[in-house]
Amino acid sequence: MSEDVLYKSNRQKKIEERQALQLDALIAKRNKEAEDRWTAAQIQAAGFQSVLDYAVEQFNEHKEELEAEMVTKTEEMIEARQEEIKNYLLSEKDKYLESIGIQAD
């Protein structure tokens, strides 16, 4: 005898519909949580960038008062912080895309 069901009762149909709705709700919830995390990461990165921009502005205003070695080290630190912000955002974007089922390149 075959395992395939040729006829489903109304009760079975309702159970399957309810399970499909529950699955859709779980997927929507997971996607909402991923989107909220991605939004929070973007806001956090914007805050980091804002602080860095202010620091760079202050540095540029007083740059001529500093020794050449200090200017070089500070510029290296600025570049490093900029790279950290970029890497943070890329990492969070990859996590977001992965959690909603899109494979990042």
C-alpha atoms as a PDB file:
ATOM      1  CA  MET A   1       0.000   0.000   0.000  1.00  0.00           C
ATOM      2  CA  SER A   2       1.307   3.437  -0.899  1.00  0.00           C
ATOM      3  CA  GLU A   3       2.330   6.065   1.680  1.00  0.00           C
ATOM      4  CA  ASP A   4       0.807   8.879  -0.405  1.00  0.00           C
ATOM      5  CA  VAL A   5      -2.442  10.237   0.909  1.00  0.00           C
ATOM      6  CA  LEU A   6      -5.022  10.590  -1.821  1.00  0.00           C
ATOM      7  CA  TYR A   7      -7.573  12.249   0.375  1.00  0.00           C
ATOM      8  CA  LYS A   8      -7.155  14.627   3.306  1.00  0.00           C
ATOM      9  CA  SER A   9      -9.850  15.243   5.812  1.00  0.00           C
ATOM     10  CA  ASN A  10     -10.978  18.768   6.608  1.00  0.00           C
ATOM     11  CA  ARG A  11      -9.367  18.385  10.011  1.00  0.00           C
ATOM     12  CA  GLN A  12      -6.017  17.460   8.433  1.00  0.00           C
ATOM     13  CA  LYS A  13      -6.279  20.402   6.019  1.00  0.00           C
ATOM     14  CA  LYS A  14      -6.939  22.799   8.902  1.00  0.00           C
ATOM     15  CA  ILE A  15      -3.980  21.403  10.843  1.00  0.00           C
ATOM     16  CA  GLU A  16      -1.698  21.886   7.840  1.00  0.00           C
ATOM     17  CA  GLU A  17      -3.001  25.433   7.275  1.00  0.00           C
ATOM     18  CA  ARG A  18      -2.394  26.279  10.944  1.00  0.00           C
ATOM     19  CA  GLN A  19       1.135  24.861  10.764  1.00  0.00           C
ATOM     20  CA  ALA A  20       1.843  26.875   7.606  1.00  0.00           C
ATOM     21  CA  LEU A  21       0.607  30.055   9.319  1.00  0.00           C
ATOM     22  CA  GLN A  22       2.771  29.343  12.364  1.00  0.00           C
ATOM     23  CA  LEU A  23       5.800  28.788  10.151  1.00  0.00           C
ATOM     24  CA  ASP A  24       5.121  32.041   8.290  1.00  0.00           C
ATOM     25  CA  ALA A  25       4.814  33.877  11.601  1.00  0.00           C
ATOM     26  CA  LEU A  26       8.120  32.425  12.844  1.00  0.00           C
ATOM     27  CA  ILE A  27       9.883  33.405   9.622  1.00  0.00           C
ATOM     28  CA  ALA A  28       8.440  36.922   9.794  1.00  0.00           C
ATOM     29  CA  LYS A  29       9.541  37.238  13.423  1.00  0.00           C
ATOM     30  CA  ARG A  30      13.063  36.055  12.602  1.00  0.00           C
ATOM     31  CA  ASN A  31      13.302  38.478   9.681  1.00  0.00           C
ATOM     32  CA  LYS A  32      12.036  41.349  11.863  1.00  0.00           C
ATOM     33  CA  GLU A  33      14.643  40.568  14.532  1.00  0.00           C
ATOM     34  CA  ALA A  34      17.376  40.454  11.883  1.00  0.00           C
ATOM     35  CA  GLU A  35      16.204  43.761  10.422  1.00  0.00           C
ATOM     36  CA  ASP A  36      16.112  45.370  13.876  1.00  0.00           C
ATOM     37  CA  ARG A  37      19.659  44.156  14.580  1.00  0.00           C
ATOM     38  CA  TRP A  38      20.883  45.507  11.223  1.00  0.00           C
ATOM     39  CA  THR A  39      19.209  48.863  11.875  1.00  0.00           C
ATOM     40  CA  ALA A  40      20.784  49.057  15.343  1.00  0.00           C
ATOM     41  CA  ALA A  41      24.206  48.210  13.865  1.00  0.00           C
ATOM     42  CA  GLN A  42      23.854  50.982  11.296  1.00  0.00           C
ATOM     43  CA  ILE A  43      22.883  53.469  13.980  1.00  0.00           C
ATOM     44  CA  GLN A  44      25.803  52.379  16.139  1.00  0.00           C
ATOM     45  CA  ALA A  45      28.228  52.684  13.210  1.00  0.00           C
ATOM     46  CA  ALA A  46      26.853  56.141  12.429  1.00  0.00           C
ATOM     47  CA  GLY A  47      27.512  57.110  16.050  1.00  0.00           C
ATOM     48  CA  PHE A  48      31.068  55.806  15.846  1.00  0.00           C
ATOM     49  CA  GLN A  49      31.577  57.686  12.587  1.00  0.00           C
ATOM     50  CA  SER A  50      30.180  60.888  14.068  1.00  0.00           C
ATOM     51  CA  VAL A  51      32.586  60.716  17.010  1.00  0.00           C
ATOM     52  CA  LEU A  52      35.467  59.965  14.662  1.00  0.00           C
ATOM     53  CA  ASP A  53      34.498  62.848  12.367  1.00  0.00           C
ATOM     54  CA  TYR A  54      34.505  65.238  15.322  1.00  0.00           C
ATOM     55  CA  ALA A  55      37.895  63.958  16.460  1.00  0.00           C
ATOM     56  CA  VAL A  56      39.299  64.366  12.944  1.00  0.00           C
ATOM     57  CA  GLU A  57      37.923  67.890  12.782  1.00  0.00           C
ATOM     58  CA  GLN A  58      39.619  68.759  16.073  1.00  0.00           C
ATOM     59  CA  PHE A  59      42.821  67.094  14.944  1.00  0.00           C
ATOM     60  CA  ASN A  60      42.855  69.039  11.685  1.00  0.00           C
ATOM     61  CA  GLU A  61      42.317  72.329  13.518  1.00  0.00           C
ATOM     62  CA  HIS A  62      45.342  71.751  15.760  1.00  0.00           C
ATOM     63  CA  LYS A  63      47.491  69.633  13.483  1.00  0.00           C
ATOM     64  CA  GLU A  64      50.142  72.298  12.921  1.00  0.00           C
ATOM     65  CA  GLU A  65      50.769  72.501  16.677  1.00  0.00           C
ATOM     66  CA  LEU A  66      51.790  68.821  16.836  1.00  0.00           C
ATOM     67  CA  GLU A  67      55.088  67.178  16.069  1.00  0.00           C
ATOM     68  CA  ALA A  68      55.373  65.331  12.743  1.00  0.00           C
ATOM     69  CA  GLU A  69      55.615  61.955  14.467  1.00  0.00           C
ATOM     70  CA  MET A  70      52.439  62.622  16.446  1.00  0.00           C
ATOM     71  CA  VAL A  71      50.618  63.706  13.281  1.00  0.00           C
ATOM     72  CA  THR A  72      51.648  60.511  11.507  1.00  0.00           C
ATOM     73  CA  LYS A  73      50.580  58.291  14.420  1.00  0.00           C
ATOM     74  CA  THR A  74      47.265  60.096  14.729  1.00  0.00           C
ATOM     75  CA  GLU A  75      46.558  59.775  11.019  1.00  0.00           C
ATOM     76  CA  GLU A  76      47.323  56.049  11.244  1.00  0.00           C
ATOM     77  CA  MET A  77      44.936  55.736  14.180  1.00  0.00           C
ATOM     78  CA  ILE A  78      42.225  57.575  12.245  1.00  0.00           C
ATOM     79  CA  GLU A  79      42.635  55.211   9.300  1.00  0.00           C
ATOM     80  CA  ALA A  80      42.536  52.214  11.633  1.00  0.00           C
ATOM     81  CA  ARG A  81      39.318  53.412  13.305  1.00  0.00           C
ATOM     82  CA  GLN A  82      37.774  54.078   9.886  1.00  0.00           C
ATOM     83  CA  GLU A  83      38.651  50.538   8.816  1.00  0.00           C
ATOM     84  CA  GLU A  84      37.170  49.126  12.046  1.00  0.00           C
ATOM     85  CA  ILE A  85      33.884  50.926  11.410  1.00  0.00           C
ATOM     86  CA  LYS A  86      33.806  49.648   7.839  1.00  0.00           C
ATOM     87  CA  ASN A  87      34.591  46.066   8.914  1.00  0.00           C
ATOM     88  CA  TYR A  88      31.966  46.230  11.657  1.00  0.00           C
ATOM     89  CA  LEU A  89      29.310  47.312   9.179  1.00  0.00           C
ATOM     90  CA  LEU A  90      30.301  44.691   6.626  1.00  0.00           C
ATOM     91  CA  SER A  91      30.263  41.993   9.297  1.00  0.00           C
ATOM     92  CA  GLU A  92      26.829  43.031  10.540  1.00  0.00           C
ATOM     93  CA  LYS A  93      25.530  43.215   6.973  1.00  0.00           C
ATOM     94  CA  ASP A  94      26.749  39.671   6.318  1.00  0.00           C
ATOM     95  CA  LYS A  95      25.033  38.471   9.504  1.00  0.00           C
ATOM     96  CA  TYR A  96      21.834  40.218   8.453  1.00  0.00           C
ATOM     97  CA  LEU A  97      21.851  38.756   4.963  1.00  0.00           C
ATOM     98  CA  GLU A  98      22.636  35.301   6.299  1.00  0.00           C
ATOM     99  CA  SER A  99      19.846  35.453   8.858  1.00  0.00           C
ATOM    100  CA  ILE A 100      17.254  36.345   6.225  1.00  0.00           C
ATOM    101  CA  GLY A 101      18.521  33.619   3.938  1.00  0.00           C
ATOM    102  CA  ILE A 102      20.562  35.562   1.420  1.00  0.00           C
ATOM    103  CA  GLN A 103      24.128  34.432   0.879  1.00  0.00           C
ATOM    104  CA  ALA A 104      26.596  37.314   0.835  1.00  0.00           C
ATOM    105  CA  ASP A 105      29.389  37.265  -1.692  1.00  0.00           C
END
